[in-house]
Amino acid sequence: RVVGCSSDDPPQRLGQYLISRGRLTPEQLRD
């Protein structure tokens, strides 16, 4: 089973993913 996942590609990091989905603002990510 897949139990973990990661990427070193900055646009694919969790924070950028959440911004692209409208769940975070860039300011919230910085904080």
Full PDB file with SEQRES, HELIX, SHEET, SSBOND, CRYST1, ORIGX, SCALE, CONECT and MASTER records, all heavy atoms in Angstrom:
SEQRES   1 A   31  ARG VAL VAL GLY CYS SER SER ASP ASP PRO PRO GLN ARG          
SEQRES   2 A   31  LEU GLY GLN TYR LEU ILE SER ARG GLY ARG LEU THR PRO          
SEQRES   3 A   31  GLU GLN LEU ARG ASP                                          
HELIX    1 AA1 PRO A   10  GLN A   12  5                                   3    
HELIX    2 AA2 LEU A   14  SER A   20  1                                   7    
HELIX    3 AA3 PRO A   26  ARG A   30  1                                   5    
CRYST1    1.000    1.000    1.000  90.00  90.00  90.00 P 1           1          
ORIGX1      1.000000  0.000000  0.000000        0.00000                         
ORIGX2      0.000000  1.000000  0.000000        0.00000                         
ORIGX3      0.000000  0.000000  1.000000        0.00000                         
SCALE1      1.000000  0.000000  0.000000        0.00000                         
SCALE2      0.000000  1.000000  0.000000        0.00000                         
SCALE3      0.000000  0.000000  1.000000        0.00000                         
ATOM      1  N   ARG A   1       0.848  -1.206   0.000  1.00  0.00           N  
ATOM      2  CA  ARG A   1       0.000   0.000   0.000  1.00  0.00           C  
ATOM      3  C   ARG A   1       0.877   1.247   0.000  1.00  0.00           C  
ATOM      4  O   ARG A   1       1.950   1.255   0.592  1.00  0.00           O  
ATOM      5  CB  ARG A   1      -0.912   0.012   1.228  1.00  0.00           C  
ATOM      6  CG  ARG A   1      -1.961  -1.082   1.220  1.00  0.00           C  
ATOM      7  CD  ARG A   1      -2.866  -1.012   2.431  1.00  0.00           C  
ATOM      8  NE  ARG A   1      -3.686   0.190   2.442  1.00  0.00           N  
ATOM      9  CZ  ARG A   1      -4.857   0.324   1.830  1.00  0.00           C  
ATOM     10  NH1 ARG A   1      -5.337  -0.674   1.119  1.00  0.00           N  
ATOM     11  NH2 ARG A   1      -5.549   1.440   1.913  1.00  0.00           N  
ATOM     12  N   VAL A   2       0.407   2.289  -0.641  1.00  0.00           N  
ATOM     13  CA  VAL A   2       1.118   3.568  -0.633  1.00  0.00           C  
ATOM     14  C   VAL A   2       0.835   4.243   0.707  1.00  0.00           C  
ATOM     15  O   VAL A   2      -0.318   4.502   1.049  1.00  0.00           O  
ATOM     16  CB  VAL A   2       0.655   4.470  -1.801  1.00  0.00           C  
ATOM     17  CG1 VAL A   2       1.300   5.843  -1.702  1.00  0.00           C  
ATOM     18  CG2 VAL A   2       0.996   3.819  -3.142  1.00  0.00           C  
ATOM     19  N   VAL A   3       1.919   4.499   1.471  1.00  0.00           N  
ATOM     20  CA  VAL A   3       1.752   5.085   2.799  1.00  0.00           C  
ATOM     21  C   VAL A   3       2.467   6.426   2.953  1.00  0.00           C  
ATOM     22  O   VAL A   3       2.352   7.075   3.984  1.00  0.00           O  
ATOM     23  CB  VAL A   3       2.208   4.111   3.913  1.00  0.00           C  
ATOM     24  CG1 VAL A   3       1.340   2.874   3.937  1.00  0.00           C  
ATOM     25  CG2 VAL A   3       3.681   3.752   3.767  1.00  0.00           C  
ATOM     26  N   GLY A   4       3.195   6.840   1.927  1.00  0.00           N  
ATOM     27  CA  GLY A   4       3.881   8.118   1.983  1.00  0.00           C  
ATOM     28  C   GLY A   4       4.259   8.580   0.597  1.00  0.00           C  
ATOM     29  O   GLY A   4       4.402   7.771  -0.316  1.00  0.00           O  
ATOM     30  N   CYS A   5       4.390   9.889   0.451  1.00  0.00           N  
ATOM     31  CA  CYS A   5       4.680  10.450  -0.860  1.00  0.00           C  
ATOM     32  C   CYS A   5       5.364  11.801  -0.672  1.00  0.00           C  
ATOM     33  O   CYS A   5       5.031  12.546   0.253  1.00  0.00           O  
ATOM     34  CB  CYS A   5       3.366  10.619  -1.616  1.00  0.00           C  
ATOM     35  SG  CYS A   5       3.577  10.872  -3.362  1.00  0.00           S  
ATOM     36  N   SER A   6       6.327  12.099  -1.556  1.00  0.00           N  
ATOM     37  CA  SER A   6       7.034  13.367  -1.473  1.00  0.00           C  
ATOM     38  C   SER A   6       7.642  13.708  -2.830  1.00  0.00           C  
ATOM     39  O   SER A   6       7.834  12.826  -3.666  1.00  0.00           O  
ATOM     40  CB  SER A   6       8.139  13.275  -0.419  1.00  0.00           C  
ATOM     41  OG  SER A   6       8.805  14.500  -0.273  1.00  0.00           O  
ATOM     42  N   SER A   7       7.950  14.976  -3.019  1.00  0.00           N  
ATOM     43  CA  SER A   7       8.601  15.453  -4.229  1.00  0.00           C  
ATOM     44  C   SER A   7       9.507  16.615  -3.850  1.00  0.00           C  
ATOM     45  O   SER A   7       9.177  17.386  -2.944  1.00  0.00           O  
ATOM     46  CB  SER A   7       7.553  15.926  -5.241  1.00  0.00           C  
ATOM     47  OG  SER A   7       8.178  16.550  -6.349  1.00  0.00           O  
ATOM     48  N   ASP A   8      10.636  16.742  -4.542  1.00  0.00           N  
ATOM     49  CA  ASP A   8      11.500  17.890  -4.286  1.00  0.00           C  
ATOM     50  C   ASP A   8      11.244  19.016  -5.294  1.00  0.00           C  
ATOM     51  O   ASP A   8      11.980  19.988  -5.337  1.00  0.00           O  
ATOM     52  CB  ASP A   8      12.975  17.494  -4.255  1.00  0.00           C  
ATOM     53  CG  ASP A   8      13.514  16.994  -5.582  1.00  0.00           C  
ATOM     54  OD1 ASP A   8      12.764  16.969  -6.583  1.00  0.00           O  
ATOM     55  OD2 ASP A   8      14.699  16.608  -5.620  1.00  0.00           O  
ATOM     56  N   ASP A   9      10.186  18.899  -6.078  1.00  0.00           N  
ATOM     57  CA  ASP A   9       9.798  19.926  -7.041  1.00  0.00           C  
ATOM     58  C   ASP A   9       8.984  20.986  -6.300  1.00  0.00           C  
ATOM     59  O   ASP A   9       7.868  20.704  -5.848  1.00  0.00           O  
ATOM     60  CB  ASP A   9       8.972  19.286  -8.157  1.00  0.00           C  
ATOM     61  CG  ASP A   9       8.682  20.236  -9.297  1.00  0.00           C  
ATOM     62  OD1 ASP A   9       9.302  21.317  -9.362  1.00  0.00           O  
ATOM     63  OD2 ASP A   9       7.832  19.889 -10.141  1.00  0.00           O  
ATOM     64  N   PRO A  10       9.516  22.212  -6.125  1.00  0.00           N  
ATOM     65  CA  PRO A  10       8.824  23.224  -5.314  1.00  0.00           C  
ATOM     66  C   PRO A  10       7.347  23.455  -5.664  1.00  0.00           C  
ATOM     67  O   PRO A  10       6.523  23.556  -4.758  1.00  0.00           O  
ATOM     68  CB  PRO A  10       9.661  24.490  -5.521  1.00  0.00           C  
ATOM     69  CG  PRO A  10      11.032  23.965  -5.797  1.00  0.00           C  
ATOM     70  CD  PRO A  10      10.802  22.701  -6.606  1.00  0.00           C  
ATOM     71  N   PRO A  11       6.957  23.509  -6.957  1.00  0.00           N  
ATOM     72  CA  PRO A  11       5.531  23.718  -7.238  1.00  0.00           C  
ATOM     73  C   PRO A  11       4.642  22.563  -6.767  1.00  0.00           C  
ATOM     74  O   PRO A  11       3.434  22.725  -6.659  1.00  0.00           O  
ATOM     75  CB  PRO A  11       5.467  23.845  -8.762  1.00  0.00           C  
ATOM     76  CG  PRO A  11       6.842  24.203  -9.185  1.00  0.00           C  
ATOM     77  CD  PRO A  11       7.756  23.567  -8.176  1.00  0.00           C  
ATOM     78  N   GLN A  12       5.237  21.406  -6.495  1.00  0.00           N  
ATOM     79  CA  GLN A  12       4.444  20.262  -6.069  1.00  0.00           C  
ATOM     80  C   GLN A  12       4.463  20.056  -4.560  1.00  0.00           C  
ATOM     81  O   GLN A  12       3.938  19.068  -4.068  1.00  0.00           O  
ATOM     82  CB  GLN A  12       4.929  18.996  -6.775  1.00  0.00           C  
ATOM     83  CG  GLN A  12       4.680  19.052  -8.248  1.00  0.00           C  
ATOM     84  CD  GLN A  12       4.878  17.701  -8.898  1.00  0.00           C  
ATOM     85  OE1 GLN A  12       5.355  16.761  -8.311  1.00  0.00           O  
ATOM     86  NE2 GLN A  12       4.474  17.625 -10.145  1.00  0.00           N  
ATOM     87  N   ARG A  13       5.034  20.964  -3.836  1.00  0.00           N  
ATOM     88  CA  ARG A  13       5.060  20.853  -2.381  1.00  0.00           C  
ATOM     89  C   ARG A  13       3.665  21.148  -1.837  1.00  0.00           C  
ATOM     90  O   ARG A  13       2.829  21.779  -2.490  1.00  0.00           O  
ATOM     91  CB  ARG A  13       6.090  21.814  -1.792  1.00  0.00           C  
ATOM     92  CG  ARG A  13       7.512  21.642  -2.333  1.00  0.00           C  
ATOM     93  CD  ARG A  13       8.160  20.370  -1.945  1.00  0.00           C  
ATOM     94  NE  ARG A  13       8.378  20.343  -0.515  1.00  0.00           N  
ATOM     95  CZ  ARG A  13       8.982  19.367   0.125  1.00  0.00           C  
ATOM     96  NH1 ARG A  13       9.439  18.345  -0.522  1.00  0.00           N  
ATOM     97  NH2 ARG A  13       9.139  19.411   1.414  1.00  0.00           N  
ATOM     98  N   LEU A  14       3.403  20.706  -0.620  1.00  0.00           N  
ATOM     99  CA  LEU A  14       2.077  20.819  -0.025  1.00  0.00           C  
ATOM    100  C   LEU A  14       1.560  22.254   0.001  1.00  0.00           C  
ATOM    101  O   LEU A  14       0.410  22.513  -0.354  1.00  0.00           O  
ATOM    102  CB  LEU A  14       2.078  20.236   1.394  1.00  0.00           C  
ATOM    103  CG  LEU A  14       0.755  20.348   2.162  1.00  0.00           C  
ATOM    104  CD1 LEU A  14      -0.359  19.593   1.449  1.00  0.00           C  
ATOM    105  CD2 LEU A  14       0.935  19.843   3.588  1.00  0.00           C  
ATOM    106  N   GLY A  15       2.391  23.187   0.404  1.00  0.00           N  
ATOM    107  CA  GLY A  15       1.943  24.579   0.496  1.00  0.00           C  
ATOM    108  C   GLY A  15       1.472  25.128  -0.837  1.00  0.00           C  
ATOM    109  O   GLY A  15       0.413  25.767  -0.931  1.00  0.00           O  
ATOM    110  N   GLN A  16       2.235  24.893  -1.892  1.00  0.00           N  
ATOM    111  CA  GLN A  16       1.844  25.360  -3.223  1.00  0.00           C  
ATOM    112  C   GLN A  16       0.583  24.660  -3.704  1.00  0.00           C  
ATOM    113  O   GLN A  16      -0.272  25.270  -4.363  1.00  0.00           O  
ATOM    114  CB  GLN A  16       2.990  25.150  -4.219  1.00  0.00           C  
ATOM    115  CG  GLN A  16       4.191  26.019  -3.940  1.00  0.00           C  
ATOM    116  CD  GLN A  16       3.855  27.492  -3.962  1.00  0.00           C  
ATOM    117  OE1 GLN A  16       3.112  27.977  -4.808  1.00  0.00           O  
ATOM    118  NE2 GLN A  16       4.378  28.223  -2.989  1.00  0.00           N  
ATOM    119  N   TYR A  17       0.474  23.384  -3.378  1.00  0.00           N  
ATOM    120  CA  TYR A  17      -0.738  22.634  -3.726  1.00  0.00           C  
ATOM    121  C   TYR A  17      -1.965  23.288  -3.076  1.00  0.00           C  
ATOM    122  O   TYR A  17      -2.990  23.503  -3.731  1.00  0.00           O  
ATOM    123  CB  TYR A  17      -0.593  21.177  -3.277  1.00  0.00           C  
ATOM    124  CG  TYR A  17      -1.846  20.359  -3.476  1.00  0.00           C  
ATOM    125  CD1 TYR A  17      -2.132  19.779  -4.697  1.00  0.00           C  
ATOM    126  CD2 TYR A  17      -2.749  20.178  -2.429  1.00  0.00           C  
ATOM    127  CE1 TYR A  17      -3.281  19.035  -4.879  1.00  0.00           C  
ATOM    128  CE2 TYR A  17      -3.899  19.431  -2.602  1.00  0.00           C  
ATOM    129  CZ  TYR A  17      -4.163  18.862  -3.830  1.00  0.00           C  
ATOM    130  OH  TYR A  17      -5.304  18.137  -4.005  1.00  0.00           O  
ATOM    131  N   LEU A  18      -1.866  23.629  -1.803  1.00  0.00           N  
ATOM    132  CA  LEU A  18      -2.999  24.230  -1.087  1.00  0.00           C  
ATOM    133  C   LEU A  18      -3.321  25.631  -1.617  1.00  0.00           C  
ATOM    134  O   LEU A  18      -4.494  26.008  -1.689  1.00  0.00           O  
ATOM    135  CB  LEU A  18      -2.722  24.260   0.417  1.00  0.00           C  
ATOM    136  CG  LEU A  18      -2.679  22.879   1.081  1.00  0.00           C  
ATOM    137  CD1 LEU A  18      -2.165  22.991   2.511  1.00  0.00           C  
ATOM    138  CD2 LEU A  18      -4.040  22.206   1.038  1.00  0.00           C  
ATOM    139  N   ILE A  19      -2.310  26.386  -2.014  1.00  0.00           N  
ATOM    140  CA  ILE A  19      -2.562  27.699  -2.626  1.00  0.00           C  
ATOM    141  C   ILE A  19      -3.297  27.514  -3.948  1.00  0.00           C  
ATOM    142  O   ILE A  19      -4.276  28.219  -4.225  1.00  0.00           O  
ATOM    143  CB  ILE A  19      -1.237  28.478  -2.829  1.00  0.00           C  
ATOM    144  CG1 ILE A  19      -0.719  28.981  -1.483  1.00  0.00           C  
ATOM    145  CG2 ILE A  19      -1.446  29.650  -3.793  1.00  0.00           C  
ATOM    146  CD1 ILE A  19       0.649  29.628  -1.553  1.00  0.00           C  
ATOM    147  N   SER A  20      -2.852  26.554  -4.759  1.00  0.00           N  
ATOM    148  CA  SER A  20      -3.485  26.343  -6.068  1.00  0.00           C  
ATOM    149  C   SER A  20      -4.933  25.887  -5.928  1.00  0.00           C  
ATOM    150  O   SER A  20      -5.726  26.061  -6.852  1.00  0.00           O  
ATOM    151  CB  SER A  20      -2.689  25.338  -6.895  1.00  0.00           C  
ATOM    152  OG  SER A  20      -2.842  24.024  -6.397  1.00  0.00           O  
ATOM    153  N   ARG A  21      -5.278  25.310  -4.796  1.00  0.00           N  
ATOM    154  CA  ARG A  21      -6.651  24.854  -4.551  1.00  0.00           C  
ATOM    155  C   ARG A  21      -7.484  25.890  -3.810  1.00  0.00           C  
ATOM    156  O   ARG A  21      -8.618  25.637  -3.441  1.00  0.00           O  
ATOM    157  CB  ARG A  21      -6.657  23.543  -3.742  1.00  0.00           C  
ATOM    158  CG  ARG A  21      -5.975  22.358  -4.415  1.00  0.00           C  
ATOM    159  CD  ARG A  21      -6.653  22.034  -5.738  1.00  0.00           C  
ATOM    160  NE  ARG A  21      -6.127  20.865  -6.397  1.00  0.00           N  
ATOM    161  CZ  ARG A  21      -5.090  20.840  -7.224  1.00  0.00           C  
ATOM    162  NH1 ARG A  21      -4.405  21.931  -7.446  1.00  0.00           N  
ATOM    163  NH2 ARG A  21      -4.724  19.732  -7.825  1.00  0.00           N  
ATOM    164  N   GLY A  22      -6.896  27.058  -3.551  1.00  0.00           N  
ATOM    165  CA  GLY A  22      -7.624  28.120  -2.872  1.00  0.00           C  
ATOM    166  C   GLY A  22      -7.800  27.894  -1.381  1.00  0.00           C  
ATOM    167  O   GLY A  22      -8.625  28.551  -0.742  1.00  0.00           O  
ATOM    168  N   ARG A  23      -7.032  26.991  -0.796  1.00  0.00           N  
ATOM    169  CA  ARG A  23      -7.152  26.683   0.630  1.00  0.00           C  
ATOM    170  C   ARG A  23      -6.235  27.545   1.486  1.00  0.00           C  
ATOM    171  O   ARG A  23      -6.423  27.634   2.691  1.00  0.00           O  
ATOM    172  CB  ARG A  23      -6.862  25.206   0.885  1.00  0.00           C  
ATOM    173  CG  ARG A  23      -7.864  24.273   0.265  1.00  0.00           C  
ATOM    174  CD  ARG A  23      -9.235  24.400   0.879  1.00  0.00           C  
ATOM    175  NE  ARG A  23      -9.114  24.037   2.285  1.00  0.00           N  
ATOM    176  CZ  ARG A  23      -9.901  24.464   3.253  1.00  0.00           C  
ATOM    177  NH1 ARG A  23     -10.881  25.269   2.979  1.00  0.00           N  
ATOM    178  NH2 ARG A  23      -9.711  24.095   4.486  1.00  0.00           N  
ATOM    179  N   LEU A  24      -5.218  28.148   0.874  1.00  0.00           N  
ATOM    180  CA  LEU A  24      -4.280  29.019   1.578  1.00  0.00           C  
ATOM    181  C   LEU A  24      -3.965  30.222   0.712  1.00  0.00           C  
ATOM    182  O   LEU A  24      -4.013  30.132  -0.510  1.00  0.00           O  
ATOM    183  CB  LEU A  24      -2.935  28.312   1.815  1.00  0.00           C  
ATOM    184  CG  LEU A  24      -2.760  27.282   2.893  1.00  0.00           C  
ATOM    185  CD1 LEU A  24      -1.297  26.834   2.930  1.00  0.00           C  
ATOM    186  CD2 LEU A  24      -3.190  27.774   4.240  1.00  0.00           C  
ATOM    187  N   THR A  25      -3.615  31.301   1.363  1.00  0.00           N  
ATOM    188  CA  THR A  25      -3.071  32.449   0.650  1.00  0.00           C  
ATOM    189  C   THR A  25      -1.547  32.374   0.747  1.00  0.00           C  
ATOM    190  O   THR A  25      -1.009  31.694   1.631  1.00  0.00           O  
ATOM    191  CB  THR A  25      -3.547  33.779   1.278  1.00  0.00           C  
ATOM    192  OG1 THR A  25      -2.989  33.880   2.599  1.00  0.00           O  
ATOM    193  CG2 THR A  25      -5.080  33.861   1.324  1.00  0.00           C  
ATOM    194  N   PRO A  26      -0.843  33.080  -0.135  1.00  0.00           N  
ATOM    195  CA  PRO A  26       0.619  33.094  -0.009  1.00  0.00           C  
ATOM    196  C   PRO A  26       1.089  33.599   1.365  1.00  0.00           C  
ATOM    197  O   PRO A  26       2.071  33.097   1.906  1.00  0.00           O  
ATOM    198  CB  PRO A  26       1.062  34.029  -1.135  1.00  0.00           C  
ATOM    199  CG  PRO A  26      -0.019  33.898  -2.168  1.00  0.00           C  
ATOM    200  CD  PRO A  26      -1.293  33.755  -1.367  1.00  0.00           C  
ATOM    201  N   GLU A  27       0.365  34.557   1.938  1.00  0.00           N  
ATOM    202  CA  GLU A  27       0.740  35.079   3.254  1.00  0.00           C  
ATOM    203  C   GLU A  27       0.574  34.008   4.330  1.00  0.00           C  
ATOM    204  O   GLU A  27       1.416  33.867   5.221  1.00  0.00           O  
ATOM    205  CB  GLU A  27      -0.107  36.312   3.610  1.00  0.00           C  
ATOM    206  CG  GLU A  27       0.115  37.502   2.700  1.00  0.00           C  
ATOM    207  CD  GLU A  27      -0.594  37.369   1.332  1.00  0.00           C  
ATOM    208  OE1 GLU A  27      -1.579  36.619   1.194  1.00  0.00           O  
ATOM    209  OE2 GLU A  27      -0.112  38.012   0.388  1.00  0.00           O  
ATOM    210  N   GLN A  28      -0.515  33.247   4.257  1.00  0.00           N  
ATOM    211  CA  GLN A  28      -0.725  32.178   5.232  1.00  0.00           C  
ATOM    212  C   GLN A  28       0.353  31.108   5.102  1.00  0.00           C  
ATOM    213  O   GLN A  28       0.838  30.589   6.111  1.00  0.00           O  
ATOM    214  CB  GLN A  28      -2.115  31.551   5.047  1.00  0.00           C  
ATOM    215  CG  GLN A  28      -3.248  32.465   5.453  1.00  0.00           C  
ATOM    216  CD  GLN A  28      -4.610  31.921   5.034  1.00  0.00           C  
ATOM    217  OE1 GLN A  28      -4.763  31.329   3.961  1.00  0.00           O  
ATOM    218  NE2 GLN A  28      -5.609  32.141   5.887  1.00  0.00           N  
ATOM    219  N   LEU A  29       0.746  30.817   3.874  1.00  0.00           N  
ATOM    220  CA  LEU A  29       1.809  29.840   3.677  1.00  0.00           C  
ATOM    221  C   LEU A  29       3.115  30.347   4.268  1.00  0.00           C  
ATOM    222  O   LEU A  29       3.822  29.601   4.944  1.00  0.00           O  
ATOM    223  CB  LEU A  29       1.989  29.508   2.193  1.00  0.00           C  
ATOM    224  CG  LEU A  29       3.155  28.566   1.865  1.00  0.00           C  
ATOM    225  CD1 LEU A  29       3.019  27.234   2.608  1.00  0.00           C  
ATOM    226  CD2 LEU A  29       3.249  28.335   0.360  1.00  0.00           C  
ATOM    227  N   ARG A  30       3.447  31.609   4.040  1.00  0.00           N  
ATOM    228  CA  ARG A  30       4.674  32.177   4.615  1.00  0.00           C  
ATOM    229  C   ARG A  30       4.661  32.062   6.140  1.00  0.00           C  
ATOM    230  O   ARG A  30       5.651  31.673   6.761  1.00  0.00           O  
ATOM    231  CB  ARG A  30       4.852  33.631   4.183  1.00  0.00           C  
ATOM    232  CG  ARG A  30       5.516  33.783   2.835  1.00  0.00           C  
ATOM    233  CD  ARG A  30       5.985  35.207   2.585  1.00  0.00           C  
ATOM    234  NE  ARG A  30       4.876  36.144   2.445  1.00  0.00           N  
ATOM    235  CZ  ARG A  30       4.183  36.341   1.319  1.00  0.00           C  
ATOM    236  NH1 ARG A  30       4.488  35.663   0.235  1.00  0.00           N  
ATOM    237  NH2 ARG A  30       3.215  37.221   1.282  1.00  0.00           N  
ATOM    238  N   ASP A  31       3.505  32.404   6.755  1.00  0.00           N  
ATOM    239  CA  ASP A  31       3.384  32.288   8.214  1.00  0.00           C  
ATOM    240  C   ASP A  31       3.556  30.834   8.655  1.00  0.00           C  
ATOM    241  O   ASP A  31       4.235  30.548   9.639  1.00  0.00           O  
ATOM    242  CB  ASP A  31       2.030  32.816   8.696  1.00  0.00           C  
ATOM    243  CG  ASP A  31       1.882  34.320   8.562  1.00  0.00           C  
ATOM    244  OD1 ASP A  31       2.907  35.004   8.363  1.00  0.00           O  
ATOM    245  OD2 ASP A  31       0.739  34.805   8.651  1.00  0.00           O  
TER     246      ASP A  31                                                      
MASTER        0    0    0    3    0    0    0    6  245    1    0    3          
END                                                                             
